[in-house]
């Protein structure tokens, strides 16, 4: 599997190809001609994988590493109280962002950054890890 940066370097949108050809040669080609050209040189049209902008692996790893320390600190600061840990999950119901196809070499599944700004509803759930309720 290739990293996001590697796959981004190999991703080309058809409009970029059309503009480059026009800029360098002064010729305009139809979208279907560009598609045929891309197929001939070994590219294929795929739907890229969404990658959340706020999904930073370093931040997530830091939270996982420091979480036990935070729990112990809370227990020390409040020795007279019982500290209960809850785990939370959520799901979203609503419209999904529609992605367009892009051209990339065979064997490469490109990624792109998304930010949802649409009307939707969230459902949250929590569970007490001590009782299972």
C-alpha atoms as a PDB file:
ATOM      1  CA  UNK A   1       0.000   0.000   0.000  1.00  0.00           C
ATOM      2  CA  UNK A   2       1.367   3.399  -0.881  1.00  0.00           C
ATOM      3  CA  UNK A   3       1.258   6.404   1.402  1.00  0.00           C
ATOM      4  CA  UNK A   4      -1.030   9.324   0.690  1.00  0.00           C
ATOM      5  CA  UNK A   5       1.846  11.506  -0.523  1.00  0.00           C
ATOM      6  CA  UNK A   6       3.091   8.839  -2.940  1.00  0.00           C
ATOM      7  CA  UNK A   7      -0.362   8.288  -4.408  1.00  0.00           C
ATOM      8  CA  UNK A   8      -1.034  12.040  -4.623  1.00  0.00           C
ATOM      9  CA  UNK A   9       2.100  12.473  -6.732  1.00  0.00           C
ATOM     10  CA  UNK A  10       0.744   9.993  -9.302  1.00  0.00           C
ATOM     11  CA  UNK A  11      -2.823  11.313  -9.538  1.00  0.00           C
ATOM     12  CA  UNK A  12      -3.863  13.322 -12.575  1.00  0.00           C
ATOM     13  CA  UNK A  13      -7.220  14.924 -13.285  1.00  0.00           C
ATOM     14  CA  UNK A  14      -8.325  14.993 -16.934  1.00  0.00           C
ATOM     15  CA  UNK A  15      -8.699  18.793 -16.912  1.00  0.00           C
ATOM     16  CA  UNK A  16      -5.021  19.151 -15.966  1.00  0.00           C
ATOM     17  CA  UNK A  17      -4.024  17.011 -18.960  1.00  0.00           C
ATOM     18  CA  UNK A  18      -6.288  19.011 -21.291  1.00  0.00           C
ATOM     19  CA  UNK A  19      -4.828  22.304 -20.058  1.00  0.00           C
ATOM     20  CA  UNK A  20      -1.233  21.064 -20.391  1.00  0.00           C
ATOM     21  CA  UNK A  21      -1.788  19.915 -23.975  1.00  0.00           C
ATOM     22  CA  UNK A  22      -3.428  23.216 -24.884  1.00  0.00           C
ATOM     23  CA  UNK A  23      -0.690  25.235 -23.165  1.00  0.00           C
ATOM     24  CA  UNK A  24       2.167  23.320 -24.833  1.00  0.00           C
ATOM     25  CA  UNK A  25       0.677  22.657 -28.287  1.00  0.00           C
ATOM     26  CA  UNK A  26      -2.190  25.110 -28.627  1.00  0.00           C
ATOM     27  CA  UNK A  27      -4.553  22.217 -29.472  1.00  0.00           C
ATOM     28  CA  UNK A  28      -7.864  21.415 -27.817  1.00  0.00           C
ATOM     29  CA  UNK A  29      -8.949  17.806 -27.361  1.00  0.00           C
ATOM     30  CA  UNK A  30     -12.268  16.362 -26.250  1.00  0.00           C
ATOM     31  CA  UNK A  31     -12.624  14.605 -22.926  1.00  0.00           C
ATOM     32  CA  UNK A  32     -13.090  11.248 -24.694  1.00  0.00           C
ATOM     33  CA  UNK A  33      -9.820  11.749 -26.597  1.00  0.00           C
ATOM     34  CA  UNK A  34      -8.020  12.433 -23.337  1.00  0.00           C
ATOM     35  CA  UNK A  35      -9.617   9.299 -21.824  1.00  0.00           C
ATOM     36  CA  UNK A  36      -8.397   7.182 -24.758  1.00  0.00           C
ATOM     37  CA  UNK A  37      -4.906   8.634 -24.376  1.00  0.00           C
ATOM     38  CA  UNK A  38      -4.878   7.886 -20.632  1.00  0.00           C
ATOM     39  CA  UNK A  39      -5.913   4.271 -21.254  1.00  0.00           C
ATOM     40  CA  UNK A  40      -3.157   3.848 -23.848  1.00  0.00           C
ATOM     41  CA  UNK A  41      -0.459   4.986 -21.423  1.00  0.00           C
ATOM     42  CA  UNK A  42      -1.674   2.612 -18.678  1.00  0.00           C
ATOM     43  CA  UNK A  43      -3.846   4.842 -16.521  1.00  0.00           C
ATOM     44  CA  UNK A  44      -7.290   3.912 -15.258  1.00  0.00           C
ATOM     45  CA  UNK A  45     -10.171   5.939 -13.872  1.00  0.00           C
ATOM     46  CA  UNK A  46     -10.817   5.179 -10.204  1.00  0.00           C
ATOM     47  CA  UNK A  47     -12.720   6.673  -7.283  1.00  0.00           C
ATOM     48  CA  UNK A  48     -10.203   7.911  -4.696  1.00  0.00           C
ATOM     49  CA  UNK A  49     -10.365   7.021  -0.993  1.00  0.00           C
ATOM     50  CA  UNK A  50     -11.501   9.783   1.340  1.00  0.00           C
ATOM     51  CA  UNK A  51      -9.080  10.802   4.091  1.00  0.00           C
ATOM     52  CA  UNK A  52     -10.385  13.045   6.846  1.00  0.00           C
ATOM     53  CA  UNK A  53      -8.460  16.287   7.229  1.00  0.00           C
ATOM     54  CA  UNK A  54      -8.465  16.061  11.042  1.00  0.00           C
ATOM     55  CA  UNK A  55      -7.370  12.406  11.066  1.00  0.00           C
ATOM     56  CA  UNK A  56      -3.707  12.966  12.015  1.00  0.00           C
ATOM     57  CA  UNK A  57      -1.945   9.669  12.919  1.00  0.00           C
ATOM     58  CA  UNK A  58       0.574  11.463  15.168  1.00  0.00           C
ATOM     59  CA  UNK A  59      -2.165  13.118  17.245  1.00  0.00           C
ATOM     60  CA  UNK A  60      -4.052   9.822  17.572  1.00  0.00           C
ATOM     61  CA  UNK A  61      -0.890   7.971  18.660  1.00  0.00           C
ATOM     62  CA  UNK A  62      -0.164  10.699  21.232  1.00  0.00           C
ATOM     63  CA  UNK A  63      -3.674  10.418  22.683  1.00  0.00           C
ATOM     64  CA  UNK A  64      -3.403   6.636  22.957  1.00  0.00           C
ATOM     65  CA  UNK A  65       0.000   6.896  24.630  1.00  0.00           C
ATOM     66  CA  UNK A  66      -1.052   9.566  27.159  1.00  0.00           C
ATOM     67  CA  UNK A  67      -4.555   8.273  27.976  1.00  0.00           C
ATOM     68  CA  UNK A  68      -3.522   5.998  30.898  1.00  0.00           C
ATOM     69  CA  UNK A  69      -1.527   8.886  32.412  1.00  0.00           C
ATOM     70  CA  UNK A  70      -4.548  11.195  32.178  1.00  0.00           C
ATOM     71  CA  UNK A  71      -6.786   8.638  33.921  1.00  0.00           C
ATOM     72  CA  UNK A  72      -4.243   8.178  36.725  1.00  0.00           C
ATOM     73  CA  UNK A  73      -3.941  11.961  37.146  1.00  0.00           C
ATOM     74  CA  UNK A  74      -7.725  12.324  37.464  1.00  0.00           C
ATOM     75  CA  UNK A  75      -7.806   9.517  40.059  1.00  0.00           C
ATOM     76  CA  UNK A  76      -5.021  11.209  42.072  1.00  0.00           C
ATOM     77  CA  UNK A  77      -6.736  14.607  41.938  1.00  0.00           C
ATOM     78  CA  UNK A  78     -10.089  13.158  43.089  1.00  0.00           C
ATOM     79  CA  UNK A  79      -9.263  10.333  45.549  1.00  0.00           C
ATOM     80  CA  UNK A  80     -12.662  10.616  47.257  1.00  0.00           C
ATOM     81  CA  UNK A  81     -14.569   9.974  44.028  1.00  0.00           C
ATOM     82  CA  UNK A  82     -14.917   6.925  41.831  1.00  0.00           C
ATOM     83  CA  UNK A  83     -13.602   7.459  38.309  1.00  0.00           C
ATOM     84  CA  UNK A  84     -15.735   5.686  35.723  1.00  0.00           C
ATOM     85  CA  UNK A  85     -14.449   5.248  32.185  1.00  0.00           C
ATOM     86  CA  UNK A  86     -16.893   5.398  29.325  1.00  0.00           C
ATOM     87  CA  UNK A  87     -16.098   4.680  25.707  1.00  0.00           C
ATOM     88  CA  UNK A  88     -18.050   6.573  23.092  1.00  0.00           C
ATOM     89  CA  UNK A  89     -18.869   5.989  19.448  1.00  0.00           C
ATOM     90  CA  UNK A  90     -20.967   7.875  16.964  1.00  0.00           C
ATOM     91  CA  UNK A  91     -22.524   7.418  13.584  1.00  0.00           C
ATOM     92  CA  UNK A  92     -23.764   9.928  11.052  1.00  0.00           C
ATOM     93  CA  UNK A  93     -26.921   9.712   8.992  1.00  0.00           C
ATOM     94  CA  UNK A  94     -27.259  12.059   6.059  1.00  0.00           C
ATOM     95  CA  UNK A  95     -25.951  12.828   2.627  1.00  0.00           C
ATOM     96  CA  UNK A  96     -22.529  11.619   1.602  1.00  0.00           C
ATOM     97  CA  UNK A  97     -19.999  13.573  -0.396  1.00  0.00           C
ATOM     98  CA  UNK A  98     -19.942  12.423  -4.025  1.00  0.00           C
ATOM     99  CA  UNK A  99     -16.487  11.785  -5.423  1.00  0.00           C
ATOM    100  CA  UNK A 100     -15.569  12.013  -9.068  1.00  0.00           C
ATOM    101  CA  UNK A 101     -13.253   9.619 -10.827  1.00  0.00           C
ATOM    102  CA  UNK A 102      -9.624  10.480 -11.452  1.00  0.00           C
ATOM    103  CA  UNK A 103      -6.916   8.829 -13.505  1.00  0.00           C
ATOM    104  CA  UNK A 104      -4.097   6.959 -11.783  1.00  0.00           C
ATOM    105  CA  UNK A 105      -1.684   4.142 -12.665  1.00  0.00           C
ATOM    106  CA  UNK A 106      -2.821   0.549 -12.162  1.00  0.00           C
ATOM    107  CA  UNK A 107      -2.151  -0.688  -8.645  1.00  0.00           C
ATOM    108  CA  UNK A 108      -2.457   2.774  -7.064  1.00  0.00           C
ATOM    109  CA  UNK A 109      -5.558   3.683  -5.071  1.00  0.00           C
ATOM    110  CA  UNK A 110      -5.371   7.471  -4.602  1.00  0.00           C
ATOM    111  CA  UNK A 111      -6.602   9.347  -1.538  1.00  0.00           C
ATOM    112  CA  UNK A 112      -8.053  12.821  -1.249  1.00  0.00           C
ATOM    113  CA  UNK A 113      -8.873  15.089   1.680  1.00  0.00           C
ATOM    114  CA  UNK A 114     -12.540  15.732   2.415  1.00  0.00           C
ATOM    115  CA  UNK A 115     -14.505  18.049   4.648  1.00  0.00           C
ATOM    116  CA  UNK A 116     -18.219  17.414   4.979  1.00  0.00           C
ATOM    117  CA  UNK A 117     -20.307  20.597   5.113  1.00  0.00           C
ATOM    118  CA  UNK A 118     -23.758  19.122   4.671  1.00  0.00           C
ATOM    119  CA  UNK A 119     -26.937  18.667   6.680  1.00  0.00           C
ATOM    120  CA  UNK A 120     -26.880  15.436   8.678  1.00  0.00           C
ATOM    121  CA  UNK A 121     -27.770  13.880  12.035  1.00  0.00           C
ATOM    122  CA  UNK A 122     -25.492  12.183  14.539  1.00  0.00           C
ATOM    123  CA  UNK A 123     -26.293   9.350  16.941  1.00  0.00           C
ATOM    124  CA  UNK A 124     -23.975   8.894  19.928  1.00  0.00           C
ATOM    125  CA  UNK A 125     -23.558   5.845  22.124  1.00  0.00           C
ATOM    126  CA  UNK A 126     -21.477   5.217  25.256  1.00  0.00           C
ATOM    127  CA  UNK A 127     -20.562   2.132  27.258  1.00  0.00           C
ATOM    128  CA  UNK A 128     -19.213   1.746  30.778  1.00  0.00           C
ATOM    129  CA  UNK A 129     -16.216  -0.559  30.500  1.00  0.00           C
ATOM    130  CA  UNK A 130     -16.641  -1.778  34.118  1.00  0.00           C
ATOM    131  CA  UNK A 131     -20.294  -2.849  33.878  1.00  0.00           C
ATOM    132  CA  UNK A 132     -20.712  -3.342  30.137  1.00  0.00           C
ATOM    133  CA  UNK A 133     -23.839  -1.152  30.172  1.00  0.00           C
END
